[in-house]
Amino acid sequence: MIARAIDSYQSMVALDDTPTILNLSWTQDERPFIQPDISAVIQQTLHLETETGLPEIYRYAVTDPWGDMTLRQAVKHFFSLAHDDFSLSCGAGVISLLAALAYLSQGRRVAIIGDVYPDYPWYLRQAGREPYHMAPGSEQDIGTAMCAVGADMLFLERPGLLNDDYGDLVKLRQLCQRLAQRGMLLLIDESNANYCSPTYSAVTLLGEMPNLIVLRGMSKGWGLGGLRVGLCLCASELQARVRQTLPPLLNASLSLRIAANILALGDSTAELRAQITRHKRQVLELFDAQPLVAASSALPYWFLGPEMGEALEARGVKGKHHLCWRGGDAAITLLRLSVPLLPARMARLQHCMTSYSDSEGTDGYR
């Protein structure tokens, strides 16, 4: 059976580092590399809220139930959009958007390209749809294959966890155009795209693609998962259809205000991206004697076989078992580790992996 990603955390006792464990099961040291300081922006927003009588706390946003009025200008600024020809609807994180949009397809199947997080296939099944796995191929082949299996919507993650086959906007535009000619939708989960420049986003194609839906979040990169803000940006023509499946009022007004102020900063993760590149290179050099599965170049992860978990924990390093769905009930399991970004955490990883002499055994590690 397919399991949701959230289920993989149920056996985890703690997510922070301990005196004996460097916990690389998720990212937890990214915010120091974000400029301007988003913690200061959040504190300023909260201070203004308390000083002005808690207006956002008392606000029942029935006149802005999907957060469009609150976030539109900040979104335009962040993605450098010169037009208003797009629809914006907010959800409680990307996961709520995926759950709601599982009902969007009018066909019996939804095509999914590549190895993806298991959540969307799981929600498709709850919605009575069948997720149909497809390997990446030419734009013409994808459309033909979708017609053959009765799929009217295509889903992909961008960048994908293990590859970025549609990172190029020209290639993505061609795919979107091919699907539009057949009356098919393209749904893109860009949760991981926070690790890329805003110019990377497929949001920049809105206004020219009538069949495009792009999901964005605040968790990756910024580490603001507690805000529970996800953005569903789509062609204006799709607004009514999307909002028929997406419940209104999913977000606290204060959360939307904080999100707007963060987006208004523009590209704040340039130094974070540079630090990921630097430290990811060091990690790969440190593990060069052990076969690795590389994450997409922008992402702060690397992968080992799941059987290496116990050996790593014996050295004081903890990873997380990560499921990638690849059709039906099939999945691959990898041991995912996050690149430590703070110098002290990177030094601790290096110490853990080099503090054992050859006589004690290195288990294939350098």
Protein backbone atom coordinates (compact mmCIF):
# COMPACT_ATOMS: atom_id res chain seq x y z
CA MET A 1 0.00 0.00 0.00
CA ILE A 2 1.07 3.59 -0.67
CA ALA A 3 1.87 5.52 2.51
CA ARG A 4 1.94 9.28 2.87
CA ALA A 5 5.22 11.04 3.63
CA ILE A 6 3.89 12.19 7.01
CA ASP A 7 3.62 8.55 8.08
CA SER A 8 7.41 8.19 7.87
CA TYR A 9 7.78 10.54 10.85
CA GLN A 10 5.63 8.50 13.23
CA SER A 11 8.56 6.45 14.55
CA MET A 12 10.86 9.43 14.99
CA VAL A 13 11.27 10.41 18.63
CA ALA A 14 13.14 13.68 18.07
CA LEU A 15 14.01 15.89 15.11
CA ASP A 16 16.76 17.96 16.71
CA ASP A 17 20.40 17.09 17.26
CA THR A 18 21.30 15.44 20.56
CA PRO A 19 24.66 15.09 22.34
CA THR A 20 25.12 11.71 20.67
CA ILE A 21 23.25 12.09 17.34
CA LEU A 22 23.67 14.52 14.45
CA ASN A 23 20.13 14.42 13.09
CA LEU A 24 20.18 14.84 9.31
CA SER A 25 16.71 13.39 8.81
CA TRP A 26 15.48 16.83 7.80
CA THR A 27 16.80 20.36 7.23
CA GLN A 28 17.07 22.50 10.35
CA ASP A 29 19.90 25.02 9.81
CA GLU A 30 18.86 27.00 6.73
CA ARG A 31 17.51 30.26 8.15
CA PRO A 32 20.92 31.76 9.12
CA PHE A 33 21.73 31.91 5.40
CA ILE A 34 18.58 33.80 4.38
CA GLN A 35 18.97 37.52 3.81
CA PRO A 36 17.28 39.75 4.85
CA ASP A 37 16.67 38.11 8.22
CA ILE A 38 13.20 36.58 7.98
CA SER A 39 13.03 36.08 11.75
CA ALA A 40 13.24 39.84 12.13
CA VAL A 41 10.50 40.31 9.53
CA ILE A 42 8.24 37.87 11.37
CA GLN A 43 8.92 39.55 14.71
CA GLN A 44 8.12 42.96 13.21
CA THR A 45 4.86 41.63 11.81
CA LEU A 46 3.87 40.14 15.18
CA HIS A 47 4.87 43.33 17.00
CA LEU A 48 2.69 45.42 14.69
CA GLU A 49 -0.17 42.97 15.21
CA THR A 50 -0.03 43.35 18.99
CA GLU A 51 0.48 47.11 18.86
CA THR A 52 -2.56 47.67 16.65
CA GLY A 53 -5.04 45.56 18.61
CA LEU A 54 -4.70 42.16 16.92
CA PRO A 55 -6.55 43.04 13.69
CA GLU A 56 -5.49 39.90 11.80
CA ILE A 57 -6.40 37.64 14.72
CA TYR A 58 -9.93 39.03 14.83
CA ARG A 59 -10.29 39.13 11.04
CA TYR A 60 -12.67 36.60 9.53
CA ALA A 61 -11.59 36.85 5.90
CA VAL A 62 -14.93 36.14 4.21
CA THR A 63 -14.15 38.84 1.62
CA ASP A 64 -10.75 37.26 0.84
CA PRO A 65 -11.43 33.55 1.48
CA TRP A 66 -8.55 32.24 -0.64
CA GLY A 67 -5.99 34.88 0.36
CA ASP A 68 -5.73 36.45 -3.09
CA MET A 69 -6.13 40.06 -1.95
CA THR A 70 -3.57 39.64 0.83
CA LEU A 71 -0.86 37.95 -1.23
CA ARG A 72 -1.29 38.97 -4.87
CA GLN A 73 1.05 41.97 -4.93
CA ALA A 74 3.74 40.17 -2.93
CA VAL A 75 3.54 37.17 -5.27
CA LYS A 76 3.83 39.42 -8.32
CA HIS A 77 6.88 41.07 -6.82
CA PHE A 78 8.55 37.81 -5.82
CA PHE A 79 8.18 36.22 -9.26
CA SER A 80 8.69 39.53 -11.15
CA LEU A 81 5.32 39.19 -12.89
CA ALA A 82 4.33 42.21 -14.96
CA HIS A 83 0.70 41.15 -15.38
CA ASP A 84 -2.36 40.11 -13.36
CA ASP A 85 -3.42 37.29 -15.65
CA PHE A 86 -3.29 34.51 -13.07
CA SER A 87 -5.37 33.11 -10.24
CA LEU A 88 -4.06 32.75 -6.68
CA SER A 89 -5.63 30.53 -4.03
CA CYS A 90 -4.05 29.60 -0.70
CA GLY A 91 -4.16 26.39 1.28
CA ALA A 92 -2.81 25.05 4.55
CA GLY A 93 0.54 24.07 3.08
CA VAL A 94 1.08 22.30 -0.23
CA ILE A 95 -0.20 19.04 1.24
CA SER A 96 -3.74 20.42 1.60
CA LEU A 97 -3.62 21.65 -1.98
CA LEU A 98 -2.58 18.22 -3.25
CA ALA A 99 -5.39 16.59 -1.28
CA ALA A 100 -8.01 18.97 -2.70
CA LEU A 101 -6.72 18.94 -6.26
CA ALA A 102 -6.86 15.15 -6.36
CA TYR A 103 -10.54 15.73 -7.23
CA LEU A 104 -9.75 18.08 -10.12
CA SER A 105 -9.29 15.50 -12.85
CA GLN A 106 -12.41 14.57 -14.81
CA GLY A 107 -10.85 11.35 -16.08
CA ARG A 108 -10.41 8.04 -14.34
CA ARG A 109 -6.61 8.34 -14.31
CA VAL A 110 -4.01 11.01 -13.59
CA ALA A 111 -0.60 10.60 -15.21
CA ILE A 112 2.48 11.16 -13.04
CA ILE A 113 5.98 11.59 -14.43
CA GLY A 114 8.97 10.08 -12.63
CA ASP A 115 9.58 9.06 -9.04
CA VAL A 116 7.59 11.36 -6.72
CA TYR A 117 6.63 11.75 -3.09
CA PRO A 118 3.84 9.24 -2.36
CA ASP A 119 1.30 11.79 -1.09
CA TYR A 120 -0.39 12.83 -4.32
CA PRO A 121 -0.87 9.23 -5.55
CA TRP A 122 -2.30 8.40 -2.11
CA TYR A 123 -4.81 11.27 -2.28
CA LEU A 124 -5.74 10.39 -5.85
CA ARG A 125 -6.83 6.97 -4.68
CA GLN A 126 -8.94 8.49 -1.91
CA ALA A 127 -10.60 10.61 -4.60
CA GLY A 128 -11.41 7.55 -6.69
CA ARG A 129 -8.77 8.23 -9.33
CA GLU A 130 -5.97 5.95 -10.40
CA PRO A 131 -2.41 7.33 -10.44
CA TYR A 132 -0.67 6.22 -13.62
CA HIS A 133 3.13 6.20 -13.60
CA MET A 134 4.98 7.42 -16.68
CA ALA A 135 8.69 7.58 -17.43
CA PRO A 136 9.93 10.90 -18.80
CA GLY A 137 9.65 11.07 -22.59
CA SER A 138 9.07 13.44 -25.46
CA GLU A 139 6.19 15.88 -25.19
CA GLN A 140 4.35 14.17 -28.07
CA ASP A 141 4.78 10.72 -26.54
CA ILE A 142 3.39 11.86 -23.18
CA GLY A 143 0.20 13.28 -24.68
CA THR A 144 -0.39 10.18 -26.78
CA ALA A 145 0.23 7.87 -23.82
CA MET A 146 -2.16 9.86 -21.66
CA CYS A 147 -4.91 9.59 -24.25
CA ALA A 148 -4.37 5.85 -24.43
CA VAL A 149 -4.96 5.37 -20.69
CA GLY A 150 -7.75 7.91 -20.27
CA ALA A 151 -5.78 10.56 -18.35
CA ASP A 152 -6.68 14.23 -18.68
CA MET A 153 -4.15 15.65 -16.21
CA LEU A 154 -0.38 15.30 -15.80
CA PHE A 155 1.46 15.75 -12.51
CA LEU A 156 5.17 16.31 -11.97
CA GLU A 157 7.49 17.59 -9.26
CA ARG A 158 9.90 20.36 -10.23
CA PRO A 159 12.69 20.01 -9.43
CA GLY A 160 12.20 16.33 -8.79
CA LEU A 161 13.92 14.78 -5.83
CA LEU A 162 16.24 12.67 -7.99
CA ASN A 163 16.28 14.58 -11.27
CA ASP A 164 15.19 17.79 -12.92
CA ASP A 165 14.06 16.59 -16.34
CA TYR A 166 11.79 19.62 -16.77
CA GLY A 167 14.03 22.23 -15.21
CA ASP A 168 14.35 24.00 -18.56
CA LEU A 169 11.45 26.41 -19.06
CA VAL A 170 11.57 26.04 -22.84
CA LYS A 171 11.06 22.29 -22.57
CA LEU A 172 8.34 22.80 -19.96
CA ARG A 173 6.54 25.33 -22.16
CA GLN A 174 6.53 22.83 -25.04
CA LEU A 175 5.08 20.14 -22.78
CA CYS A 176 2.39 22.48 -21.50
CA GLN A 177 1.47 23.54 -25.05
CA ARG A 178 1.18 19.94 -26.21
CA LEU A 179 -1.14 19.11 -23.34
CA ALA A 180 -3.22 22.25 -23.89
CA GLN A 181 -3.83 21.20 -27.49
CA ARG A 182 -5.41 18.01 -26.16
CA GLY A 183 -7.42 19.77 -23.44
CA MET A 184 -5.21 18.33 -20.68
CA LEU A 185 -4.07 20.01 -17.46
CA LEU A 186 -0.52 20.22 -16.14
CA LEU A 187 -0.17 20.27 -12.34
CA ILE A 188 3.33 21.05 -11.03
CA ASP A 189 4.43 20.71 -7.41
CA GLU A 190 7.23 23.23 -6.93
CA SER A 191 7.68 22.70 -3.20
CA ASN A 192 11.38 22.04 -3.79
CA ALA A 193 11.78 25.06 -6.07
CA ASN A 194 12.36 27.32 -3.06
CA TYR A 195 15.93 26.07 -3.41
CA CYS A 196 16.10 27.74 -6.84
CA SER A 197 15.93 31.34 -7.99
CA PRO A 198 12.38 32.71 -8.45
CA THR A 199 13.14 33.00 -12.17
CA TYR A 200 13.28 29.18 -12.29
CA SER A 201 9.58 28.86 -11.48
CA ALA A 202 6.90 27.76 -13.92
CA VAL A 203 4.84 30.60 -12.43
CA THR A 204 6.59 32.79 -15.00
CA LEU A 205 4.61 30.91 -17.71
CA LEU A 206 1.24 31.93 -16.28
CA GLY A 207 -0.59 34.28 -18.59
CA GLU A 208 0.33 32.27 -21.67
CA MET A 209 -0.65 28.74 -20.61
CA PRO A 210 -4.41 28.17 -20.06
CA ASN A 211 -3.91 24.68 -18.57
CA LEU A 212 -1.14 25.32 -16.00
CA ILE A 213 -1.34 24.96 -12.21
CA VAL A 214 1.72 25.54 -10.01
CA LEU A 215 1.94 24.81 -6.28
CA ARG A 216 4.40 26.57 -3.99
CA GLY A 217 5.04 26.42 -0.24
CA MET A 218 6.85 28.21 2.58
CA SER A 219 8.41 25.15 4.26
CA LYS A 220 11.37 24.27 2.04
CA GLY A 221 14.26 26.71 2.23
CA TRP A 222 12.57 29.23 4.50
CA GLY A 223 11.70 26.59 7.11
CA LEU A 224 8.31 28.21 7.79
CA GLY A 225 6.26 25.02 7.91
CA GLY A 226 4.42 26.23 10.99
CA LEU A 227 2.75 29.00 8.99
CA ARG A 228 0.85 26.34 6.99
CA VAL A 229 0.77 28.47 3.84
CA GLY A 230 0.68 26.93 0.39
CA LEU A 231 0.09 28.79 -2.87
CA CYS A 232 -1.91 27.48 -5.81
CA LEU A 233 -1.19 29.66 -8.83
CA CYS A 234 -2.98 28.83 -12.04
CA ALA A 235 -4.29 30.20 -15.30
CA SER A 236 -7.16 32.64 -14.76
CA GLU A 237 -9.40 30.35 -16.83
CA LEU A 238 -9.01 27.64 -14.18
CA GLN A 239 -9.90 29.69 -11.11
CA ALA A 240 -13.54 28.62 -10.78
CA ARG A 241 -12.68 24.96 -11.32
CA VAL A 242 -9.84 25.02 -8.79
CA ARG A 243 -11.89 26.79 -6.13
CA GLN A 244 -14.70 24.27 -6.49
CA THR A 245 -12.31 21.66 -5.08
CA LEU A 246 -10.26 23.86 -2.71
CA PRO A 247 -12.01 24.85 0.55
CA PRO A 248 -11.99 28.55 1.47
CA LEU A 249 -10.58 30.05 4.68
CA LEU A 250 -7.88 27.43 5.17
CA ASN A 251 -5.34 30.00 6.36
CA ALA A 252 -5.09 32.21 9.41
CA SER A 253 -5.09 35.85 8.31
CA LEU A 254 -1.94 36.43 10.35
CA SER A 255 -0.15 33.58 8.57
CA LEU A 256 -1.03 35.11 5.22
CA ARG A 257 0.23 38.50 6.36
CA ILE A 258 3.56 37.01 7.45
CA ALA A 259 3.84 35.12 4.16
CA ALA A 260 3.16 38.31 2.21
CA ASN A 261 5.90 40.15 4.08
CA ILE A 262 8.39 37.33 3.41
CA LEU A 263 7.56 37.23 -0.31
CA ALA A 264 7.82 41.02 -0.50
CA LEU A 265 11.53 40.68 0.32
CA GLY A 266 12.09 39.16 -3.10
CA ASP A 267 14.83 36.58 -3.65
CA SER A 268 16.15 36.06 -0.11
CA THR A 269 17.80 32.65 -0.54
CA ALA A 270 20.80 33.43 -2.77
CA GLU A 271 23.32 32.85 0.04
CA LEU A 272 21.44 29.72 1.13
CA ARG A 273 21.76 28.31 -2.38
CA ALA A 274 25.48 29.06 -2.40
CA GLN A 275 25.99 27.40 1.00
CA ILE A 276 24.10 24.31 -0.12
CA THR A 277 26.37 24.03 -3.16
CA ARG A 278 29.53 24.42 -1.07
CA HIS A 279 28.61 21.97 1.67
CA LYS A 280 26.97 19.45 -0.64
CA ARG A 281 30.27 19.20 -2.52
CA GLN A 282 32.11 18.56 0.76
CA VAL A 283 29.64 15.86 1.77
CA LEU A 284 29.94 14.05 -1.53
CA GLU A 285 33.73 14.10 -1.22
CA LEU A 286 33.46 12.76 2.33
CA PHE A 287 31.31 9.85 1.17
CA ASP A 288 33.14 9.16 -2.08
CA ALA A 289 33.88 5.56 -1.12
CA GLN A 290 30.20 4.76 -0.62
CA PRO A 291 27.77 4.51 -3.58
CA LEU A 292 25.43 7.49 -3.52
CA VAL A 293 22.20 8.42 -5.22
CA ALA A 294 22.41 12.09 -6.08
CA ALA A 295 19.55 14.47 -5.43
CA SER A 296 18.74 17.15 -7.98
CA SER A 297 21.57 19.66 -8.03
CA ALA A 298 19.69 22.42 -6.20
CA LEU A 299 18.44 20.27 -3.32
CA PRO A 300 20.22 19.94 0.06
CA TYR A 301 20.06 16.15 0.20
CA TRP A 302 22.05 13.07 -0.60
CA PHE A 303 20.94 9.45 -0.51
CA LEU A 304 22.34 6.09 0.50
CA GLY A 305 20.84 2.63 0.46
CA PRO A 306 18.43 2.09 3.38
CA GLU A 307 20.63 -0.70 4.71
CA MET A 308 23.24 1.92 5.67
CA GLY A 309 21.03 3.46 8.37
CA GLU A 310 22.34 1.36 11.26
CA ALA A 311 25.97 1.85 10.28
CA LEU A 312 25.47 5.62 10.18
CA GLU A 313 23.69 5.72 13.52
CA ALA A 314 26.57 3.76 15.06
CA ARG A 315 28.73 6.70 14.00
CA GLY A 316 26.28 9.24 15.46
CA VAL A 317 24.52 10.30 12.25
CA LYS A 318 20.80 9.81 11.68
CA GLY A 319 19.01 9.89 8.34
CA LYS A 320 15.42 9.30 7.27
CA HIS A 321 13.88 6.56 5.17
CA HIS A 322 12.34 8.23 2.16
CA LEU A 323 9.74 6.61 -0.11
CA CYS A 324 9.53 7.49 -3.80
CA TRP A 325 6.40 6.28 -5.58
CA ARG A 326 6.92 4.70 -9.00
CA GLY A 327 3.59 3.22 -9.98
CA GLY A 328 0.88 1.03 -8.44
CA ASP A 329 2.00 -0.01 -4.98
CA ALA A 330 5.65 0.05 -6.03
CA ALA A 331 8.10 2.35 -4.31
CA ILE A 332 11.80 2.67 -3.77
CA THR A 333 13.15 3.40 -0.31
CA LEU A 334 16.29 5.48 0.12
CA LEU A 335 18.10 6.76 3.18
CA ARG A 336 17.85 10.53 2.86
CA LEU A 337 20.28 12.81 4.64
CA SER A 338 20.20 16.59 4.68
CA VAL A 339 23.37 18.53 4.01
CA PRO A 340 24.49 20.23 7.26
CA LEU A 341 24.87 23.92 6.49
CA LEU A 342 26.17 25.47 9.70
CA PRO A 343 29.98 25.08 9.90
CA ALA A 344 29.76 23.45 13.35
CA ARG A 345 27.32 20.80 12.11
CA MET A 346 29.43 20.16 9.02
CA ALA A 347 32.51 19.74 11.23
CA ARG A 348 30.55 17.32 13.40
CA LEU A 349 29.64 15.20 10.37
CA GLN A 350 33.26 15.14 9.27
CA HIS A 351 34.32 14.09 12.76
CA CYS A 352 31.70 11.32 12.89
CA MET A 353 32.81 9.89 9.57
CA THR A 354 36.59 10.14 10.07
CA SER A 355 37.01 9.39 13.80
CA TYR A 356 37.15 5.61 13.34
CA SER A 357 40.50 4.06 12.52
CA ASP A 358 40.87 1.48 9.79
CA SER A 359 41.42 -1.16 12.44
CA GLU A 360 37.90 -0.51 13.77
CA GLY A 361 36.45 -0.89 10.31
CA THR A 362 35.12 1.82 8.02
CA ASP A 363 32.21 -0.05 6.40
CA GLY A 364 33.20 1.41 3.04
CA TYR A 365 33.32 5.00 4.25
CA ARG A 366 36.31 7.16 3.60
